[in-house]
PDB file of all heavy atoms in Angstrom:
ATOM      1  N   HIS A   1      92.602 113.478  97.584  1.00  0.00           N
ATOM      2  CA  HIS A   1      92.822 114.556  96.685  1.00  0.00           C
ATOM      3  C   HIS A   1      94.331 114.971  96.581  1.00  0.00           C
ATOM      4  O   HIS A   1      95.100 114.567  97.388  1.00  0.00           O
ATOM      5  CB  HIS A   1      91.946 115.661  97.103  1.00  0.00           C
ATOM      6  CG  HIS A   1      92.244 116.231  98.528  1.00  0.00           C
ATOM      7  ND1 HIS A   1      91.534 115.685  99.594  1.00  0.00           N
ATOM      8  CD2 HIS A   1      92.941 117.294  99.018  1.00  0.00           C
ATOM      9  CE1 HIS A   1      91.926 116.375 100.628  1.00  0.00           C
ATOM     10  NE2 HIS A   1      92.824 117.360 100.323  1.00  0.00           N
ATOM     11  N   PRO A   2      94.684 115.958  95.746  1.00  0.00           N
ATOM     12  CA  PRO A   2      96.028 116.290  95.512  1.00  0.00           C
ATOM     13  C   PRO A   2      96.689 116.961  96.758  1.00  0.00           C
ATOM     14  O   PRO A   2      95.965 117.780  97.521  1.00  0.00           O
ATOM     15  CB  PRO A   2      95.976 117.281  94.258  1.00  0.00           C
ATOM     16  CG  PRO A   2      94.733 116.989  93.624  1.00  0.00           C
ATOM     17  CD  PRO A   2      93.840 116.532  94.694  1.00  0.00           C
ATOM     18  N   GLN A   3      97.950 116.810  96.926  1.00  0.00           N
ATOM     19  CA  GLN A   3      98.764 117.325  98.029  1.00  0.00           C
ATOM     20  C   GLN A   3      98.861 118.804  97.834  1.00  0.00           C
ATOM     21  O   GLN A   3      98.928 119.342  96.619  1.00  0.00           O
ATOM     22  CB  GLN A   3     100.220 116.833  98.042  1.00  0.00           C
ATOM     23  CG  GLN A   3     101.059 117.375  99.305  1.00  0.00           C
ATOM     24  CD  GLN A   3     102.460 116.857  99.082  1.00  0.00           C
ATOM     25  OE1 GLN A   3     103.140 116.937  98.004  1.00  0.00           O
ATOM     26  NE2 GLN A   3     102.988 116.360 100.284  1.00  0.00           N
ATOM     27  N   SER A   4      98.781 119.632  98.841  1.00  0.00           N
ATOM     28  CA  SER A   4      98.972 121.112  98.780  1.00  0.00           C
ATOM     29  C   SER A   4     100.214 121.559  98.034  1.00  0.00           C
ATOM     30  O   SER A   4     101.427 120.988  98.358  1.00  0.00           O
ATOM     31  CB  SER A   4      99.025 121.659 100.200  1.00  0.00           C
ATOM     32  OG  SER A   4      99.604 122.906 100.187  1.00  0.00           O
ATOM     33  N   ALA A   5     100.066 122.378  97.151  1.00  0.00           N
ATOM     34  CA  ALA A   5     101.318 122.874  96.422  1.00  0.00           C
ATOM     35  C   ALA A   5     102.400 123.504  97.319  1.00  0.00           C
ATOM     36  O   ALA A   5     103.579 123.577  97.221  1.00  0.00           O
ATOM     37  CB  ALA A   5     100.964 123.793  95.340  1.00  0.00           C
ATOM     38  N   HIS A   6     101.863 124.173  98.429  1.00  0.00           N
ATOM     39  CA  HIS A   6     102.742 124.903  99.343  1.00  0.00           C
ATOM     40  C   HIS A   6     103.255 123.848 100.339  1.00  0.00           C
ATOM     41  O   HIS A   6     104.695 124.183 100.666  1.00  0.00           O
ATOM     42  CB  HIS A   6     101.833 125.843 100.205  1.00  0.00           C
ATOM     43  CG  HIS A   6     101.237 126.955  99.521  1.00  0.00           C
ATOM     44  ND1 HIS A   6     100.346 127.888 100.036  1.00  0.00           N
ATOM     45  CD2 HIS A   6     101.403 127.391  98.130  1.00  0.00           C
ATOM     46  CE1 HIS A   6     100.031 128.818  99.002  1.00  0.00           C
ATOM     47  NE2 HIS A   6     100.630 128.514  97.955  1.00  0.00           N
ATOM     48  N   ILE A   7     102.863 122.787 100.646  1.00  0.00           N
ATOM     49  CA  ILE A   7     103.581 121.698 101.326  1.00  0.00           C
ATOM     50  C   ILE A   7     104.620 121.080 100.404  1.00  0.00           C
ATOM     51  O   ILE A   7     105.767 120.958 100.732  1.00  0.00           O
ATOM     52  CB  ILE A   7     102.530 120.603 101.851  1.00  0.00           C
ATOM     53  CG1 ILE A   7     101.690 121.277 103.036  1.00  0.00           C
ATOM     54  CG2 ILE A   7     103.363 119.439 102.338  1.00  0.00           C
ATOM     55  CD1 ILE A   7     100.698 120.304 103.558  1.00  0.00           C
ATOM     56  N   ALA A   8     104.211 120.921  99.135  1.00  0.00           N
ATOM     57  CA  ALA A   8     105.101 120.255  98.272  1.00  0.00           C
ATOM     58  C   ALA A   8     106.364 121.092  98.022  1.00  0.00           C
ATOM     59  O   ALA A   8     107.449 120.518  97.870  1.00  0.00           O
ATOM     60  CB  ALA A   8     104.382 120.041  96.947  1.00  0.00           C
ATOM     61  N   GLN A   9     106.230 122.319  97.829  1.00  0.00           N
ATOM     62  CA  GLN A   9     107.328 123.242  97.593  1.00  0.00           C
ATOM     63  C   GLN A   9     108.433 123.275  98.751  1.00  0.00           C
ATOM     64  O   GLN A   9     109.624 123.390  98.555  1.00  0.00           O
ATOM     65  CB  GLN A   9     106.993 124.719  97.213  1.00  0.00           C
ATOM     66  CG  GLN A   9     106.470 125.477  98.556  1.00  0.00           C
ATOM     67  CD  GLN A   9     106.059 126.786  98.091  1.00  0.00           C
ATOM     68  OE1 GLN A   9     105.833 127.133  96.829  1.00  0.00           O
ATOM     69  NE2 GLN A   9     105.818 127.729  99.087  1.00  0.00           N
ATOM     70  N   GLY A  10     107.959 122.995 100.019  1.00  0.00           N
ATOM     71  CA  GLY A  10     108.773 123.035 101.141  1.00  0.00           C
ATOM     72  C   GLY A  10     109.579 121.570 101.254  1.00  0.00           C
ATOM     73  O   GLY A  10     110.682 121.558 101.610  1.00  0.00           O
ATOM     74  N   VAL A  11     108.792 120.412 100.725  1.00  0.00           N
ATOM     75  CA  VAL A  11     109.381 119.166 100.958  1.00  0.00           C
ATOM     76  C   VAL A  11     110.376 118.779  99.799  1.00  0.00           C
ATOM     77  O   VAL A  11     111.365 118.199  99.853  1.00  0.00           O
ATOM     78  CB  VAL A  11     108.314 118.102 101.057  1.00  0.00           C
ATOM     79  CG1 VAL A  11     108.824 116.662 101.087  1.00  0.00           C
ATOM     80  CG2 VAL A  11     107.348 118.472 102.265  1.00  0.00           C
ATOM     81  N   ASP A  12     109.941 119.138  98.564  1.00  0.00           N
ATOM     82  CA  ASP A  12     110.745 118.718  97.346  1.00  0.00           C
ATOM     83  C   ASP A  12     112.145 119.322  97.252  1.00  0.00           C
ATOM     84  O   ASP A  12     112.290 120.484  97.594  1.00  0.00           O
ATOM     85  CB  ASP A  12     110.031 119.151  96.145  1.00  0.00           C
ATOM     86  CG  ASP A  12     108.653 118.328  95.922  1.00  0.00           C
ATOM     87  OD1 ASP A  12     108.507 117.310  96.728  1.00  0.00           O
ATOM     88  OD2 ASP A  12     107.870 118.730  95.079  1.00  0.00           O
ATOM     89  N   ALA A  13     113.053 118.528  96.947  1.00  0.00           N
ATOM     90  CA  ALA A  13     114.408 119.147  96.536  1.00  0.00           C
ATOM     91  C   ALA A  13     114.322 119.940  95.159  1.00  0.00           C
ATOM     92  O   ALA A  13     113.626 119.494  94.297  1.00  0.00           O
ATOM     93  CB  ALA A  13     115.465 118.020  96.428  1.00  0.00           C
ATOM     94  N   SER A  14     115.059 121.096  95.202  1.00  0.00           N
ATOM     95  CA  SER A  14     115.049 121.907  94.013  1.00  0.00           C
ATOM     96  C   SER A  14     116.336 122.806  94.088  1.00  0.00           C
ATOM     97  O   SER A  14     116.777 123.253  95.153  1.00  0.00           O
ATOM     98  CB  SER A  14     113.754 122.690  93.902  1.00  0.00           C
ATOM     99  OG  SER A  14     113.786 123.619  95.040  1.00  0.00           O
ATOM    100  N   GLY A  15     117.081 122.865  92.883  1.00  0.00           N
ATOM    101  CA  GLY A  15     118.224 123.710  92.918  1.00  0.00           C
ATOM    102  C   GLY A  15     119.199 123.218  93.934  1.00  0.00           C
ATOM    103  O   GLY A  15     119.643 122.098  94.008  1.00  0.00           O
ATOM    104  N   ASN A  16     119.640 124.240  94.740  1.00  0.00           N
ATOM    105  CA  ASN A  16     120.637 123.859  95.763  1.00  0.00           C
ATOM    106  C   ASN A  16     120.033 123.456  97.154  1.00  0.00           C
ATOM    107  O   ASN A  16     120.680 123.242  98.069  1.00  0.00           O
ATOM    108  CB  ASN A  16     121.524 125.057  96.196  1.00  0.00           C
ATOM    109  CG  ASN A  16     122.375 125.331  94.961  1.00  0.00           C
ATOM    110  OD1 ASN A  16     122.911 124.478  94.266  1.00  0.00           O
ATOM    111  ND2 ASN A  16     122.617 126.735  94.714  1.00  0.00           N
ATOM    112  N   LYS A  17     118.559 123.347  97.100  1.00  0.00           N
ATOM    113  CA  LYS A  17     117.736 123.006  98.288  1.00  0.00           C
ATOM    114  C   LYS A  17     117.582 121.449  98.390  1.00  0.00           C
ATOM    115  O   LYS A  17     117.145 120.824  97.509  1.00  0.00           O
ATOM    116  CB  LYS A  17     116.403 123.672  98.177  1.00  0.00           C
ATOM    117  CG  LYS A  17     115.515 123.333  99.486  1.00  0.00           C
ATOM    118  CD  LYS A  17     114.127 123.820  99.184  1.00  0.00           C
ATOM    119  CE  LYS A  17     113.203 123.248 100.209  1.00  0.00           C
ATOM    120  NZ  LYS A  17     112.998 121.941 100.207  1.00  0.00           N
ATOM    121  N   ASP A  18     118.054 120.889  99.523  1.00  0.00           N
ATOM    122  CA  ASP A  18     117.768 119.458  99.649  1.00  0.00           C
ATOM    123  C   ASP A  18     116.331 119.265 100.108  1.00  0.00           C
ATOM    124  O   ASP A  18     115.637 120.167 100.506  1.00  0.00           O
ATOM    125  CB  ASP A  18     118.711 118.960 100.846  1.00  0.00           C
ATOM    126  CG  ASP A  18     118.860 117.441 100.956  1.00  0.00           C
ATOM    127  OD1 ASP A  18     118.251 116.818  99.995  1.00  0.00           O
ATOM    128  OD2 ASP A  18     119.400 116.992 101.947  1.00  0.00           O
ATOM    129  N   GLU A  19     115.912 117.939  99.959  1.00  0.00           N
ATOM    130  CA  GLU A  19     114.673 117.662 100.313  1.00  0.00           C
ATOM    131  C   GLU A  19     114.336 118.025 101.857  1.00  0.00           C
ATOM    132  O   GLU A  19     115.119 117.685 102.654  1.00  0.00           O
ATOM    133  CB  GLU A  19     114.404 116.082 100.226  1.00  0.00           C
ATOM    134  CG  GLU A  19     113.166 115.507 100.697  1.00  0.00           C
ATOM    135  CD  GLU A  19     113.252 114.039 100.580  1.00  0.00           C
ATOM    136  OE1 GLU A  19     113.299 113.645  99.484  1.00  0.00           O
ATOM    137  OE2 GLU A  19     113.102 113.443 101.555  1.00  0.00           O
ATOM    138  N   GLY A  20     113.265 118.684 102.124  1.00  0.00           N
ATOM    139  CA  GLY A  20     112.975 119.203 103.481  1.00  0.00           C
ATOM    140  C   GLY A  20     112.080 118.215 104.093  1.00  0.00           C
ATOM    141  O   GLY A  20     111.498 117.285 103.546  1.00  0.00           O
ATOM    142  N   ALA A  21     111.889 118.205 105.473  1.00  0.00           N
ATOM    143  CA  ALA A  21     111.015 117.350 106.250  1.00  0.00           C
ATOM    144  C   ALA A  21     109.592 117.779 105.914  1.00  0.00           C
ATOM    145  O   ALA A  21     109.245 118.881 105.568  1.00  0.00           O
ATOM    146  CB  ALA A  21     111.233 117.704 107.834  1.00  0.00           C
ATOM    147  N   GLY A  22     108.606 116.718 105.881  1.00  0.00           N
ATOM    148  CA  GLY A  22     107.320 116.898 105.466  1.00  0.00           C
ATOM    149  C   GLY A  22     106.468 117.625 106.503  1.00  0.00           C
ATOM    150  O   GLY A  22     105.348 118.017 106.186  1.00  0.00           O
ATOM    151  N   ASP A  23     106.990 117.795 107.681  1.00  0.00           N
ATOM    152  CA  ASP A  23     106.302 118.561 108.844  1.00  0.00           C
ATOM    153  C   ASP A  23     107.277 118.880 109.793  1.00  0.00           C
ATOM    154  O   ASP A  23     108.415 118.333 109.983  1.00  0.00           O
ATOM    155  CB  ASP A  23     105.110 117.838 109.304  1.00  0.00           C
ATOM    156  CG  ASP A  23     104.050 118.662 109.959  1.00  0.00           C
ATOM    157  OD1 ASP A  23     104.313 119.875 110.117  1.00  0.00           O
ATOM    158  OD2 ASP A  23     102.932 118.157 110.298  1.00  0.00           O
ATOM    159  N   GLN A  24     106.934 119.730 110.697  1.00  0.00           N
ATOM    160  CA  GLN A  24     107.664 119.992 111.902  1.00  0.00           C
ATOM    161  C   GLN A  24     107.347 118.970 112.979  1.00  0.00           C
ATOM    162  O   GLN A  24     106.380 118.204 112.769  1.00  0.00           O
ATOM    163  CB  GLN A  24     107.401 121.319 112.576  1.00  0.00           C
ATOM    164  CG  GLN A  24     106.029 121.463 113.227  1.00  0.00           C
ATOM    165  CD  GLN A  24     105.838 122.750 113.900  1.00  0.00           C
ATOM    166  OE1 GLN A  24     106.161 123.869 113.381  1.00  0.00           O
ATOM    167  NE2 GLN A  24     105.348 122.693 115.120  1.00  0.00           N
ATOM    168  N   GLY A  25     108.106 118.714 114.003  1.00  0.00           N
ATOM    169  CA  GLY A  25     107.715 117.830 115.116  1.00  0.00           C
ATOM    170  C   GLY A  25     108.885 117.279 115.707  1.00  0.00           C
ATOM    171  O   GLY A  25     110.074 117.453 115.478  1.00  0.00           O
ATOM    172  N   ILE A  26     108.621 116.581 116.812  1.00  0.00           N
ATOM    173  CA  ILE A  26     109.585 115.704 117.697  1.00  0.00           C
ATOM    174  C   ILE A  26     109.322 114.370 117.609  1.00  0.00           C
ATOM    175  O   ILE A  26     108.130 114.005 117.542  1.00  0.00           O
ATOM    176  CB  ILE A  26     109.641 116.459 119.049  1.00  0.00           C
ATOM    177  CG1 ILE A  26     108.236 116.246 119.772  1.00  0.00           C
ATOM    178  CG2 ILE A  26     110.164 117.752 119.127  1.00  0.00           C
ATOM    179  CD1 ILE A  26     108.207 116.618 121.265  1.00  0.00           C
ATOM    180  N   MET A  27     110.282 113.618 117.579  1.00  0.00           N
ATOM    181  CA  MET A  27     110.214 112.093 117.458  1.00  0.00           C
ATOM    182  C   MET A  27     111.153 111.482 118.504  1.00  0.00           C
ATOM    183  O   MET A  27     112.187 111.870 118.650  1.00  0.00           O
ATOM    184  CB  MET A  27     110.597 111.595 115.998  1.00  0.00           C
ATOM    185  CG  MET A  27     109.629 112.202 114.899  1.00  0.00           C
ATOM    186  SD  MET A  27     110.158 113.793 114.351  1.00  0.00           S
ATOM    187  CE  MET A  27     108.629 114.477 113.639  1.00  0.00           C
ATOM    188  N   PHE A  28     110.512 110.425 119.086  1.00  0.00           N
ATOM    189  CA  PHE A  28     111.363 109.618 120.026  1.00  0.00           C
ATOM    190  C   PHE A  28     111.699 108.183 119.514  1.00  0.00           C
ATOM    191  O   PHE A  28     110.781 107.617 118.952  1.00  0.00           O
ATOM    192  CB  PHE A  28     110.704 109.720 121.330  1.00  0.00           C
ATOM    193  CG  PHE A  28     110.596 110.912 121.986  1.00  0.00           C
ATOM    194  CD1 PHE A  28     109.524 111.875 121.867  1.00  0.00           C
ATOM    195  CD2 PHE A  28     111.661 111.357 122.794  1.00  0.00           C
ATOM    196  CE1 PHE A  28     109.399 113.036 122.371  1.00  0.00           C
ATOM    197  CE2 PHE A  28     111.595 112.521 123.507  1.00  0.00           C
ATOM    198  CZ  PHE A  28     110.524 113.476 123.305  1.00  0.00           C
ATOM    199  N   GLY A  29     112.814 107.668 119.996  1.00  0.00           N
ATOM    200  CA  GLY A  29     113.030 106.242 119.830  1.00  0.00           C
ATOM    201  C   GLY A  29     113.533 105.775 121.209  1.00  0.00           C
ATOM    202  O   GLY A  29     114.027 106.485 122.067  1.00  0.00           O
ATOM    203  N   TYR A  30     113.292 104.462 121.400  1.00  0.00           N
ATOM    204  CA  TYR A  30     113.572 103.892 122.665  1.00  0.00           C
ATOM    205  C   TYR A  30     114.082 102.371 122.510  1.00  0.00           C
ATOM    206  O   TYR A  30     113.606 101.674 121.544  1.00  0.00           O
ATOM    207  CB  TYR A  30     112.354 103.932 123.672  1.00  0.00           C
ATOM    208  CG  TYR A  30     112.551 103.401 125.048  1.00  0.00           C
ATOM    209  CD1 TYR A  30     113.320 104.162 125.952  1.00  0.00           C
ATOM    210  CD2 TYR A  30     111.973 102.195 125.374  1.00  0.00           C
ATOM    211  CE1 TYR A  30     113.447 103.630 127.207  1.00  0.00           C
ATOM    212  CE2 TYR A  30     112.081 101.710 126.664  1.00  0.00           C
ATOM    213  CZ  TYR A  30     112.873 102.431 127.640  1.00  0.00           C
ATOM    214  OH  TYR A  30     112.890 101.812 128.899  1.00  0.00           O
ATOM    215  N   ALA A  31     114.868 101.892 123.452  1.00  0.00           N
ATOM    216  CA  ALA A  31     115.307 100.505 123.549  1.00  0.00           C
ATOM    217  C   ALA A  31     115.585 100.197 125.046  1.00  0.00           C
ATOM    218  O   ALA A  31     116.113 101.089 125.659  1.00  0.00           O
ATOM    219  CB  ALA A  31     116.443 100.312 122.538  1.00  0.00           C
ATOM    220  N   THR A  32     115.423  98.998 125.326  1.00  0.00           N
ATOM    221  CA  THR A  32     115.723  98.475 126.738  1.00  0.00           C
ATOM    222  C   THR A  32     116.085  97.111 126.647  1.00  0.00           C
ATOM    223  O   THR A  32     115.583  96.316 125.787  1.00  0.00           O
ATOM    224  CB  THR A  32     114.483  98.699 127.717  1.00  0.00           C
ATOM    225  OG1 THR A  32     114.758  98.024 128.930  1.00  0.00           O
ATOM    226  CG2 THR A  32     113.200  98.036 127.217  1.00  0.00           C
ATOM    227  N   ASP A  33     116.965  96.590 127.536  1.00  0.00           N
ATOM    228  CA  ASP A  33     117.321  95.280 127.459  1.00  0.00           C
ATOM    229  C   ASP A  33     116.394  94.317 128.356  1.00  0.00           C
ATOM    230  O   ASP A  33     116.800  93.123 128.709  1.00  0.00           O
ATOM    231  CB  ASP A  33     118.823  95.036 127.890  1.00  0.00           C
ATOM    232  CG  ASP A  33     118.978  95.357 129.447  1.00  0.00           C
ATOM    233  OD1 ASP A  33     118.036  95.854 130.046  1.00  0.00           O
ATOM    234  OD2 ASP A  33     120.146  95.232 129.901  1.00  0.00           O
ATOM    235  N   GLU A  34     115.232  94.722 128.628  1.00  0.00           N
ATOM    236  CA  GLU A  34     114.265  93.899 129.353  1.00  0.00           C
ATOM    237  C   GLU A  34     113.912  92.545 128.569  1.00  0.00           C
ATOM    238  O   GLU A  34     113.505  91.627 129.306  1.00  0.00           O
ATOM    239  CB  GLU A  34     112.933  94.704 129.663  1.00  0.00           C
ATOM    240  CG  GLU A  34     113.100  95.902 130.699  1.00  0.00           C
ATOM    241  CD  GLU A  34     111.877  96.632 130.705  1.00  0.00           C
ATOM    242  OE1 GLU A  34     110.736  96.180 130.224  1.00  0.00           O
ATOM    243  OE2 GLU A  34     111.995  97.876 131.358  1.00  0.00           O
TER     244      GLU A  34
END
């Protein structure tokens, strides 16, 4: 079904506002020479 309009307004770029993250959160990346 359609995306929430309230989420859309936070994510979409508009005027002087750059595109925002689609949600809050923490993300990790990892690498090892194993």
